[in-house]
Amino acid sequence: MARGTILIADDDTAIRTVLNQALARAGYAPRATGNAATLWRWVQAGEGDVIITDVIMPDENAFDLIPRIKKLRPDLPIIIMSAQNTLMTALTAADKGAYEYLPKPFDLSEIVAVVGRALSQPDRKPVRIVDGPDEELPLIGRSAAMQEIYRVIARLTQTDLTVMINGESGTGKELVARVLHDYGKRRGGPFVALNMAAIPRELIESELFGHEKGAFTGAQNRSIGRFEQAEGGTLFLDEIGDMPLEAQTRLLRVLQQGEYTTVGGRTAIKTNVRIIAATHRDLKSQIALGQFREDLFYRLNVVPMRLPPLRQRIEDVGDLVRHFLRQAAREGLGQKAIETAAIERMKAYSWPGNVRELENFVRRLAALNPEDTLTVPMVEQHLVETGPPAPNETASSPKDLAEQVERYLATYFATFGRELPPPGLYDRIIRQVEQPLLSAALTATRGNQIRAAELLGLNRNTLRSRIRELDIKVYRTPMQ
């Protein structure tokens, strides 16, 4: 007997087929259609225990159909799939009442597991969000690493849980905190940020909780603290690892009892604030050294989020560059286009300063180059000033290639210490050898791709695909 009927709606025949097969193997009874109209008829007839649907359908957008489904059958779980893998897609899926959002391409085992959870757990409650165009989104990127961040954010907007964001400097920790606030339950309240590393240690308690007149030398008037400023909203505590132990003790009391006293004050003040903390430090190591309270760590680390460094989502560089160029244009730096090859060159760099470094780099490119199109030489000129690039010279022999890699690693370690360079060195070196090899074969065969494929021992379609991906120019000349 089937474990449940799963209604599948996707206009891609291949996706319908693989979902049918995977769900049938898992013991479910799948039914698939390529349009929204048929799905709606099945729902009206009372069929199905779970829906899996793409967003873009030939006859209707699933986000327009979902409210009708939820009104007719509010307990029917809906799983959204989409190739439009932006933050807004994940947030809209949560807003419309979808049980789960899965970006394409998806993992079949994961989608089967989600179906199982949907059948055994109650549907999640939606939360209203504010719409906005993709180019105005605070978070940019379609990589797998960012998709997971979007999914977590979409879930957390429906809660008031304390969040701990961990990540290297420049990865966008405050941006994530602002998204959690702006699209969450407290968006009508204030968002207040305090960077612990930017405040003198002796003033942190006063900054957080405020102080009374005469509480200390120089306190000539009563001053409110960040908790009072953030009342009813969100307090973002950046670089929480730099908070002194005395202030940690007072913060722990706030989290435990929901109240605090000002510096020099005696009356407890109730507080209604959501806490989001962030750090680039390893707090567990600080706990072991006695520099951070373990009990406070567990109070703050209710929902941990780790933001990936840019080198771990290098495929997002293109989207980020175009986004920053649009920002630069709004700042009066002119409308700029950028060559695909220039973006590829930027992908070969490690970006130790992460997205913040990339943003400043793009702004500098736009400001210092009056041309309408940014090119590889322009990028390389400024990358040399920024730091050591990944190897990109054409090697003329295996010995040259080995020496080049050794120079690159020596320069990298001399500049950035013992941290390993970003992953992908193998692929970059292979690409660097492959491009001149294919170009030489095409030159030798006068641009005849069939003969070049035979010479190289490659399938003709494989060669064509590599020519396209490597952007190799092919010139046909008559054979002599």
Protein backbone atom coordinates (compact mmCIF):
# COMPACT_ATOMS: atom_id res chain seq x y z
CA MET A 1 0.00 0.00 0.00
CA ALA A 2 1.36 3.43 -0.96
CA ARG A 3 2.52 5.74 1.85
CA GLY A 4 0.77 8.73 0.27
CA THR A 5 -0.11 10.34 -3.06
CA ILE A 6 2.35 12.99 -4.22
CA LEU A 7 1.18 15.49 -6.85
CA ILE A 8 4.02 16.72 -9.08
CA ALA A 9 3.74 19.79 -11.33
CA ASP A 10 6.65 20.75 -13.59
CA ASP A 11 6.79 21.52 -17.30
CA ASP A 12 10.16 19.74 -17.59
CA THR A 13 9.54 16.14 -18.65
CA ALA A 14 12.90 14.96 -17.33
CA ILE A 15 12.23 16.37 -13.85
CA ARG A 16 8.78 14.78 -13.75
CA THR A 17 10.31 11.43 -14.73
CA VAL A 18 13.08 11.38 -12.12
CA LEU A 19 10.71 12.55 -9.36
CA ASN A 20 8.18 9.87 -10.36
CA GLN A 21 10.84 7.17 -10.19
CA ALA A 22 12.42 8.34 -6.93
CA LEU A 23 9.10 8.72 -5.09
CA ALA A 24 7.77 5.40 -6.40
CA ARG A 25 10.94 3.64 -5.16
CA ALA A 26 10.37 5.25 -1.75
CA GLY A 27 6.88 3.73 -1.58
CA TYR A 28 4.78 6.75 -2.56
CA ALA A 29 2.16 7.02 -5.32
CA PRO A 30 3.26 9.93 -7.55
CA ARG A 31 1.04 11.68 -10.12
CA ALA A 32 2.67 14.17 -12.47
CA THR A 33 1.49 16.96 -14.75
CA GLY A 34 3.15 19.65 -16.82
CA ASN A 35 0.69 22.47 -16.07
CA ALA A 36 -1.00 24.28 -13.19
CA ALA A 37 -4.57 23.73 -14.45
CA THR A 38 -4.37 19.95 -14.02
CA LEU A 39 -2.79 20.33 -10.59
CA TRP A 40 -5.64 22.62 -9.54
CA ARG A 41 -8.25 20.08 -10.76
CA TRP A 42 -6.59 17.34 -8.69
CA VAL A 43 -6.59 19.58 -5.61
CA GLN A 44 -10.28 20.46 -6.12
CA ALA A 45 -11.08 16.75 -6.37
CA GLY A 46 -9.44 16.16 -2.98
CA GLU A 47 -6.52 14.19 -4.40
CA GLY A 48 -2.96 14.21 -3.11
CA ASP A 49 -1.29 14.28 0.29
CA VAL A 50 1.69 16.47 -0.71
CA ILE A 51 2.32 18.80 -3.67
CA ILE A 52 5.70 19.31 -5.35
CA THR A 53 5.56 22.15 -7.86
CA ASP A 54 7.84 24.36 -9.90
CA VAL A 55 7.29 28.12 -9.65
CA ILE A 56 7.20 28.94 -13.37
CA MET A 57 4.51 26.95 -15.16
CA PRO A 58 3.32 27.46 -18.77
CA ASP A 59 -0.18 28.54 -17.74
CA GLU A 60 0.23 30.05 -14.26
CA ASN A 61 2.84 31.02 -11.69
CA ALA A 62 2.73 28.68 -8.70
CA PHE A 63 2.97 31.63 -6.31
CA ASP A 64 -0.39 32.81 -7.70
CA LEU A 65 -1.91 29.33 -7.41
CA ILE A 66 -0.77 28.53 -3.87
CA PRO A 67 -3.17 30.96 -2.08
CA ARG A 68 -6.14 29.24 -3.77
CA ILE A 69 -4.82 25.84 -2.75
CA LYS A 70 -4.25 26.97 0.86
CA LYS A 71 -7.74 28.47 1.03
CA LEU A 72 -9.37 25.26 -0.25
CA ARG A 73 -7.09 22.78 1.55
CA PRO A 74 -5.06 24.63 4.22
CA ASP A 75 -3.42 21.45 5.57
CA LEU A 76 -2.04 20.27 2.22
CA PRO A 77 1.80 20.63 2.33
CA ILE A 78 3.31 22.33 -0.73
CA ILE A 79 6.98 21.93 -1.66
CA ILE A 80 8.29 24.62 -4.02
CA MET A 81 11.05 23.97 -6.57
CA SER A 82 12.70 26.78 -8.51
CA ALA A 83 15.65 27.53 -10.75
CA GLN A 84 15.24 31.22 -9.83
CA ASN A 85 17.50 30.76 -6.85
CA THR A 86 17.38 34.14 -5.14
CA LEU A 87 16.68 35.20 -1.57
CA MET A 88 13.31 36.60 -2.66
CA THR A 89 12.25 33.22 -4.07
CA ALA A 90 12.88 31.55 -0.71
CA LEU A 91 11.16 34.35 1.20
CA THR A 92 8.15 34.38 -1.15
CA ALA A 93 7.80 30.60 -0.81
CA ALA A 94 7.65 31.01 2.98
CA ASP A 95 5.28 33.98 2.65
CA LYS A 96 2.83 32.02 0.48
CA GLY A 97 2.71 29.19 2.98
CA ALA A 98 4.93 26.62 1.26
CA TYR A 99 6.14 23.82 3.50
CA GLU A 100 9.63 23.87 1.98
CA TYR A 101 11.65 25.55 -0.76
CA LEU A 102 14.20 23.54 -2.77
CA PRO A 103 16.44 25.23 -5.36
CA LYS A 104 17.18 23.48 -8.64
CA PRO A 105 19.16 21.38 -9.22
CA PHE A 106 18.02 19.42 -6.18
CA ASP A 107 19.15 16.21 -4.52
CA LEU A 108 16.61 13.40 -4.96
CA SER A 109 17.30 11.89 -1.55
CA GLU A 110 16.66 15.30 0.04
CA ILE A 111 13.34 15.79 -1.73
CA VAL A 112 12.19 12.30 -0.68
CA ALA A 113 13.17 13.14 2.91
CA VAL A 114 11.26 16.45 2.75
CA VAL A 115 8.16 14.61 1.51
CA GLY A 116 8.42 12.27 4.51
CA ARG A 117 8.64 15.20 6.92
CA ALA A 118 5.75 17.00 5.23
CA LEU A 119 3.52 13.96 5.76
CA SER A 120 4.46 13.59 9.42
CA GLN A 121 4.63 17.23 10.55
CA PRO A 122 2.10 20.08 10.53
CA ASP A 123 2.40 22.75 7.87
CA ARG A 124 4.47 25.83 8.68
CA LYS A 125 2.66 29.12 9.22
CA PRO A 126 3.37 31.81 6.63
CA VAL A 127 4.70 35.27 7.46
CA ARG A 128 4.03 38.35 5.36
CA ILE A 129 7.01 39.83 3.53
CA VAL A 130 7.76 42.94 1.54
CA ASP A 131 8.33 42.37 -2.17
CA GLY A 132 11.31 43.85 -4.01
CA PRO A 133 13.19 43.41 -7.31
CA ASP A 134 16.13 41.02 -7.38
CA GLU A 135 18.64 43.78 -8.08
CA GLU A 136 17.68 45.46 -4.80
CA LEU A 137 18.12 42.34 -2.69
CA PRO A 138 20.58 42.74 0.20
CA LEU A 139 22.04 39.26 -0.42
CA ILE A 140 23.27 38.23 -3.86
CA GLY A 141 24.28 34.79 -5.15
CA ARG A 142 22.89 31.58 -6.60
CA SER A 143 25.55 29.14 -5.37
CA ALA A 144 24.62 26.07 -3.34
CA ALA A 145 26.19 27.64 -0.26
CA MET A 146 23.97 30.72 -0.53
CA GLN A 147 20.87 28.64 -1.26
CA GLU A 148 21.24 27.02 2.15
CA ILE A 149 21.57 30.47 3.76
CA TYR A 150 18.38 31.61 2.01
CA ARG A 151 16.47 28.55 3.21
CA VAL A 152 17.57 29.12 6.81
CA ILE A 153 16.65 32.81 6.62
CA ALA A 154 13.21 31.96 5.22
CA ARG A 155 12.59 29.65 8.18
CA LEU A 156 13.91 32.11 10.77
CA THR A 157 11.72 35.00 9.61
CA GLN A 158 8.83 33.04 11.09
CA THR A 159 10.45 32.88 14.54
CA ASP A 160 11.86 35.14 17.24
CA LEU A 161 14.83 32.89 18.03
CA THR A 162 18.26 34.16 19.00
CA VAL A 163 20.74 33.69 16.14
CA MET A 164 24.54 33.43 16.14
CA ILE A 165 26.14 34.33 12.79
CA ASN A 166 29.71 33.18 12.29
CA GLY A 167 31.91 34.09 9.35
CA GLU A 168 35.08 35.80 8.22
CA SER A 169 35.25 39.58 8.06
CA GLY A 170 33.53 40.91 4.95
CA THR A 171 31.14 37.98 4.43
CA GLY A 172 28.01 40.05 5.15
CA LYS A 173 27.09 39.19 8.73
CA GLU A 174 25.30 42.50 9.35
CA LEU A 175 23.46 42.20 6.02
CA VAL A 176 22.08 38.81 7.11
CA ALA A 177 21.05 40.26 10.46
CA ARG A 178 19.23 43.11 8.70
CA VAL A 179 17.41 40.65 6.42
CA LEU A 180 16.29 38.61 9.43
CA HIS A 181 14.90 41.83 10.92
CA ASP A 182 13.47 43.45 7.78
CA TYR A 183 11.58 40.32 6.68
CA GLY A 184 10.76 39.03 10.17
CA LYS A 185 8.16 39.49 12.87
CA ARG A 186 9.87 42.58 14.32
CA ARG A 187 10.30 44.57 11.11
CA GLY A 188 8.01 47.29 12.49
CA GLY A 189 10.48 47.93 15.32
CA PRO A 190 14.00 49.42 15.27
CA PHE A 191 17.14 47.62 14.14
CA VAL A 192 20.07 48.66 16.33
CA ALA A 193 23.65 47.50 15.71
CA LEU A 194 26.61 47.64 18.09
CA ASN A 195 30.13 46.55 17.16
CA MET A 196 31.89 45.35 20.30
CA ALA A 197 35.33 45.75 18.73
CA ALA A 198 34.68 49.45 18.05
CA ILE A 199 33.74 50.41 21.64
CA PRO A 200 36.28 50.92 24.46
CA ARG A 201 35.92 48.00 26.87
CA GLU A 202 35.14 50.26 29.83
CA LEU A 203 32.19 51.83 27.96
CA ILE A 204 30.51 48.69 26.61
CA GLU A 205 28.15 48.23 29.56
CA SER A 206 27.05 51.86 29.34
CA GLU A 207 26.53 51.51 25.57
CA LEU A 208 24.41 48.39 26.05
CA PHE A 209 22.34 49.29 29.11
CA GLY A 210 22.61 53.05 29.43
CA HIS A 211 23.73 54.95 32.54
CA GLU A 212 22.36 57.26 35.19
CA LYS A 213 23.58 60.79 35.84
CA GLY A 214 26.69 60.65 38.01
CA ALA A 215 27.20 56.90 37.48
CA PHE A 216 30.84 57.54 36.60
CA THR A 217 33.18 60.43 35.89
CA GLY A 218 31.84 62.37 32.92
CA ALA A 219 28.28 61.02 33.19
CA GLN A 220 26.65 64.45 33.41
CA ASN A 221 23.23 63.29 32.18
CA ARG A 222 21.19 60.11 32.00
CA SER A 223 21.84 58.22 28.74
CA ILE A 224 19.79 55.42 27.22
CA GLY A 225 21.53 52.27 26.00
CA ARG A 226 21.16 50.12 22.92
CA PHE A 227 18.68 47.77 24.61
CA GLU A 228 16.31 50.67 25.21
CA GLN A 229 16.85 51.97 21.67
CA ALA A 230 16.03 48.52 20.24
CA GLU A 231 12.90 47.95 22.32
CA GLY A 232 10.36 45.97 20.30
CA GLY A 233 12.90 45.34 17.56
CA THR A 234 16.27 43.69 16.99
CA LEU A 235 19.63 44.28 18.66
CA PHE A 236 22.58 43.13 16.55
CA LEU A 237 25.72 42.52 18.60
CA ASP A 238 28.60 42.34 16.14
CA GLU A 239 31.98 40.85 17.10
CA ILE A 240 30.48 39.40 20.28
CA GLY A 241 33.79 37.62 20.89
CA ASP A 242 35.34 40.99 21.83
CA MET A 243 32.87 41.58 24.67
CA PRO A 244 34.64 41.76 28.08
CA LEU A 245 33.69 39.15 30.69
CA GLU A 246 31.97 41.64 33.01
CA ALA A 247 29.61 42.72 30.22
CA GLN A 248 29.07 39.05 29.26
CA THR A 249 27.75 38.39 32.77
CA ARG A 250 25.24 41.24 32.52
CA LEU A 251 24.15 40.18 29.03
CA LEU A 252 23.57 36.63 30.28
CA ARG A 253 21.22 37.98 32.94
CA VAL A 254 19.23 39.84 30.29
CA LEU A 255 18.86 36.67 28.23
CA GLN A 256 17.88 34.61 31.27
CA GLN A 257 15.51 37.03 33.00
CA GLY A 258 14.44 39.46 30.28
CA GLU A 259 15.47 42.52 32.29
CA TYR A 260 18.48 44.73 33.01
CA THR A 261 19.57 47.72 35.08
CA THR A 262 21.35 50.79 33.80
CA VAL A 263 24.90 51.53 34.97
CA GLY A 264 24.40 53.25 38.30
CA GLY A 265 20.72 52.36 38.35
CA ARG A 266 18.79 50.23 40.85
CA THR A 267 15.46 49.58 39.12
CA ALA A 268 15.16 46.55 36.85
CA ILE A 269 13.91 47.39 33.35
CA LYS A 270 11.96 44.81 31.36
CA THR A 271 13.11 44.34 27.79
CA ASN A 272 11.51 42.93 24.66
CA VAL A 273 14.34 42.66 22.14
CA ARG A 274 15.46 39.96 19.73
CA ILE A 275 19.20 39.32 19.91
CA ILE A 276 21.29 38.48 16.84
CA ALA A 277 25.00 38.07 17.53
CA ALA A 278 27.92 37.70 15.14
CA THR A 279 31.62 36.93 15.30
CA HIS A 280 34.57 35.97 13.13
CA ARG A 281 36.23 34.27 16.12
CA ASP A 282 36.12 30.62 17.24
CA LEU A 283 34.11 31.10 20.44
CA LYS A 284 34.66 27.51 21.59
CA SER A 285 38.41 28.15 21.60
CA GLN A 286 37.78 31.35 23.59
CA ILE A 287 35.69 29.35 26.05
CA ALA A 288 38.58 26.91 26.53
CA LEU A 289 40.88 29.87 27.22
CA GLY A 290 38.44 31.37 29.73
CA GLN A 291 37.77 34.40 27.52
CA PHE A 292 34.09 33.71 26.79
CA ARG A 293 31.36 32.36 29.06
CA GLU A 294 30.13 28.93 28.04
CA ASP A 295 26.62 29.55 29.41
CA LEU A 296 26.35 32.77 27.40
CA PHE A 297 27.53 30.97 24.26
CA TYR A 298 24.70 28.44 24.50
CA ARG A 299 22.18 31.21 25.16
CA LEU A 300 23.30 33.04 22.02
CA ASN A 301 23.91 29.98 19.84
CA VAL A 302 20.25 28.88 19.70
CA VAL A 303 20.34 28.95 15.89
CA PRO A 304 23.88 28.98 14.46
CA MET A 305 24.49 30.27 10.93
CA ARG A 306 27.87 30.09 9.22
CA LEU A 307 28.39 32.40 6.26
CA PRO A 308 30.72 31.01 3.58
CA PRO A 309 33.75 33.05 2.51
CA LEU A 310 33.66 34.27 -1.08
CA ARG A 311 36.32 31.74 -2.14
CA GLN A 312 33.83 28.97 -1.25
CA ARG A 313 31.12 30.44 -3.49
CA ILE A 314 33.28 31.79 -6.27
CA GLU A 315 30.53 31.15 -8.85
CA ASP A 316 28.65 34.10 -7.29
CA VAL A 317 31.34 36.60 -8.32
CA GLY A 318 29.62 37.43 -11.63
CA ASP A 319 26.27 38.24 -10.01
CA LEU A 320 27.99 40.26 -7.29
CA VAL A 321 30.10 42.24 -9.77
CA ARG A 322 27.05 43.19 -11.85
CA HIS A 323 25.18 44.16 -8.68
CA PHE A 324 28.03 46.40 -7.51
CA LEU A 325 28.33 47.97 -10.98
CA ARG A 326 24.64 48.93 -10.79
CA GLN A 327 25.31 50.47 -7.38
CA ALA A 328 28.31 52.35 -8.77
CA ALA A 329 26.15 53.73 -11.59
CA ARG A 330 23.63 55.04 -9.06
CA GLU A 331 26.54 56.72 -7.24
CA GLY A 332 27.40 58.65 -10.42
CA LEU A 333 30.35 56.52 -11.55
CA GLY A 334 28.76 55.82 -14.94
CA GLN A 335 27.11 52.83 -16.57
CA LYS A 336 29.74 50.11 -17.01
CA ALA A 337 29.69 46.75 -18.75
CA ILE A 338 32.27 44.07 -18.02
CA GLU A 339 33.74 41.37 -20.22
CA THR A 340 33.00 37.76 -19.35
CA ALA A 341 36.73 37.05 -19.45
CA ALA A 342 37.30 39.82 -16.90
CA ILE A 343 34.82 38.21 -14.52
CA GLU A 344 36.56 34.84 -15.02
CA ARG A 345 39.85 36.51 -14.13
CA MET A 346 38.29 37.82 -10.95
CA LYS A 347 37.08 34.33 -10.09
CA ALA A 348 40.70 33.15 -10.07
CA TYR A 349 41.53 35.53 -7.20
CA SER A 350 41.15 34.42 -3.58
CA TRP A 351 39.36 37.55 -2.19
CA PRO A 352 40.72 37.32 1.38
CA GLY A 353 38.58 40.35 2.25
CA ASN A 354 35.51 38.53 0.91
CA VAL A 355 32.47 40.38 -0.48
CA ARG A 356 33.51 43.67 1.10
CA GLU A 357 36.84 43.53 -0.75
CA LEU A 358 35.08 42.66 -4.02
CA GLU A 359 32.65 45.58 -3.59
CA ASN A 360 35.47 48.06 -3.04
CA PHE A 361 37.41 46.56 -5.95
CA VAL A 362 34.47 46.99 -8.35
CA ARG A 363 33.86 50.55 -7.19
CA ARG A 364 37.55 51.33 -7.78
CA LEU A 365 37.40 49.78 -11.26
CA ALA A 366 34.36 51.89 -12.14
CA ALA A 367 35.87 55.08 -10.77
CA LEU A 368 39.35 54.82 -12.32
CA ASN A 369 38.44 53.53 -15.79
CA PRO A 370 36.49 56.00 -17.99
CA GLU A 371 35.81 53.35 -20.66
CA ASP A 372 32.30 51.92 -20.96
CA THR A 373 33.52 48.29 -20.80
CA LEU A 374 35.82 46.88 -18.13
CA THR A 375 38.41 44.46 -19.55
CA VAL A 376 40.87 41.80 -18.37
CA PRO A 377 43.90 44.17 -18.41
CA MET A 378 42.00 46.66 -16.23
CA VAL A 379 41.12 43.92 -13.74
CA GLU A 380 44.65 42.54 -13.67
CA GLN A 381 46.17 45.96 -13.11
CA HIS A 382 44.13 46.48 -9.96
CA LEU A 383 44.47 42.88 -8.77
CA VAL A 384 48.25 43.31 -8.78
CA GLU A 385 47.76 46.27 -6.46
CA THR A 386 45.33 44.30 -4.26
CA GLY A 387 47.34 41.14 -3.73
CA PRO A 388 48.84 38.07 -5.41
CA PRO A 389 46.62 36.60 -8.12
CA ALA A 390 46.12 32.93 -8.77
CA PRO A 391 48.38 31.51 -11.48
CA ASN A 392 47.12 32.46 -14.91
CA GLU A 393 50.15 32.74 -17.19
CA THR A 394 50.37 30.30 -20.06
CA ALA A 395 52.96 27.66 -19.29
CA SER A 396 55.13 26.58 -22.16
CA SER A 397 56.33 23.33 -20.54
CA PRO A 398 55.65 21.08 -17.54
CA LYS A 399 58.70 22.58 -15.85
CA ASP A 400 57.41 26.12 -16.44
CA LEU A 401 54.02 25.12 -15.07
CA ALA A 402 55.53 23.57 -11.93
CA GLU A 403 57.68 26.66 -11.32
CA GLN A 404 54.67 28.90 -11.83
CA VAL A 405 52.59 27.02 -9.24
CA GLU A 406 55.51 27.10 -6.79
CA ARG A 407 55.87 30.88 -7.26
CA TYR A 408 52.16 31.35 -6.75
CA LEU A 409 52.09 29.33 -3.51
CA ALA A 410 55.23 31.01 -2.16
CA THR A 411 53.78 34.47 -2.87
CA TYR A 412 50.41 33.55 -1.40
CA PHE A 413 51.85 32.18 1.86
CA ALA A 414 54.20 35.15 2.17
CA THR A 415 51.24 37.51 1.86
CA PHE A 416 48.45 35.71 3.73
CA GLY A 417 50.27 33.49 6.19
CA ARG A 418 49.69 29.77 6.56
CA GLU A 419 46.07 29.72 5.37
CA LEU A 420 45.65 27.57 2.28
CA PRO A 421 44.70 29.29 -0.99
CA PRO A 422 41.06 28.95 -2.10
CA PRO A 423 40.08 25.56 -3.55
CA GLY A 424 40.02 25.06 -7.29
CA LEU A 425 43.74 25.19 -8.16
CA TYR A 426 43.52 21.88 -10.05
CA ASP A 427 40.65 23.11 -12.24
CA ARG A 428 42.36 26.44 -12.92
CA ILE A 429 45.62 24.77 -13.98
CA ILE A 430 43.79 22.24 -16.18
CA ARG A 431 41.84 25.08 -17.81
CA GLN A 432 45.04 27.02 -18.34
CA VAL A 433 46.67 24.04 -20.12
CA GLU A 434 43.49 23.04 -21.96
CA GLN A 435 42.82 26.37 -23.65
CA PRO A 436 46.14 26.63 -25.56
CA LEU A 437 45.97 22.90 -26.39
CA LEU A 438 42.53 23.19 -28.01
CA SER A 439 43.52 26.41 -29.76
CA ALA A 440 46.63 24.73 -31.20
CA ALA A 441 44.58 21.76 -32.45
CA LEU A 442 42.08 24.07 -34.12
CA THR A 443 44.88 26.08 -35.70
CA ALA A 444 46.49 22.91 -36.99
CA THR A 445 43.21 21.76 -38.59
CA ARG A 446 42.36 25.23 -39.99
CA GLY A 447 39.38 25.53 -37.65
CA ASN A 448 37.84 22.20 -38.69
CA GLN A 449 36.27 20.99 -35.44
CA ILE A 450 35.67 17.43 -36.67
CA ARG A 451 39.35 16.99 -37.57
CA ALA A 452 40.44 18.74 -34.35
CA ALA A 453 38.31 16.34 -32.30
CA GLU A 454 39.91 13.38 -34.09
CA LEU A 455 43.38 14.81 -33.50
CA LEU A 456 42.69 15.28 -29.78
CA GLY A 457 40.83 12.00 -29.35
CA LEU A 458 37.72 13.80 -28.10
CA ASN A 459 34.05 13.42 -28.87
CA ARG A 460 32.99 16.20 -31.28
CA ASN A 461 30.23 17.40 -28.93
CA THR A 462 32.69 17.49 -26.03
CA LEU A 463 35.07 19.63 -28.06
CA ARG A 464 32.29 22.02 -29.06
CA SER A 465 31.19 22.31 -25.44
CA ARG A 466 34.73 23.10 -24.25
CA ILE A 467 35.21 25.66 -27.05
CA ARG A 468 32.04 27.40 -25.90
CA GLU A 469 32.87 27.26 -22.17
CA LEU A 470 36.46 28.47 -22.67
CA ASP A 471 35.33 31.13 -25.16
CA ILE A 472 37.85 30.01 -27.79
CA LYS A 473 37.66 31.86 -31.11
CA VAL A 474 37.48 29.49 -34.10
CA TYR A 475 38.58 30.71 -37.52
CA ARG A 476 37.94 28.50 -40.55
CA THR A 477 40.53 28.68 -43.35
CA PRO A 478 40.67 26.46 -46.45
CA MET A 479 42.93 23.39 -46.23
CA GLN A 480 45.92 23.61 -48.57
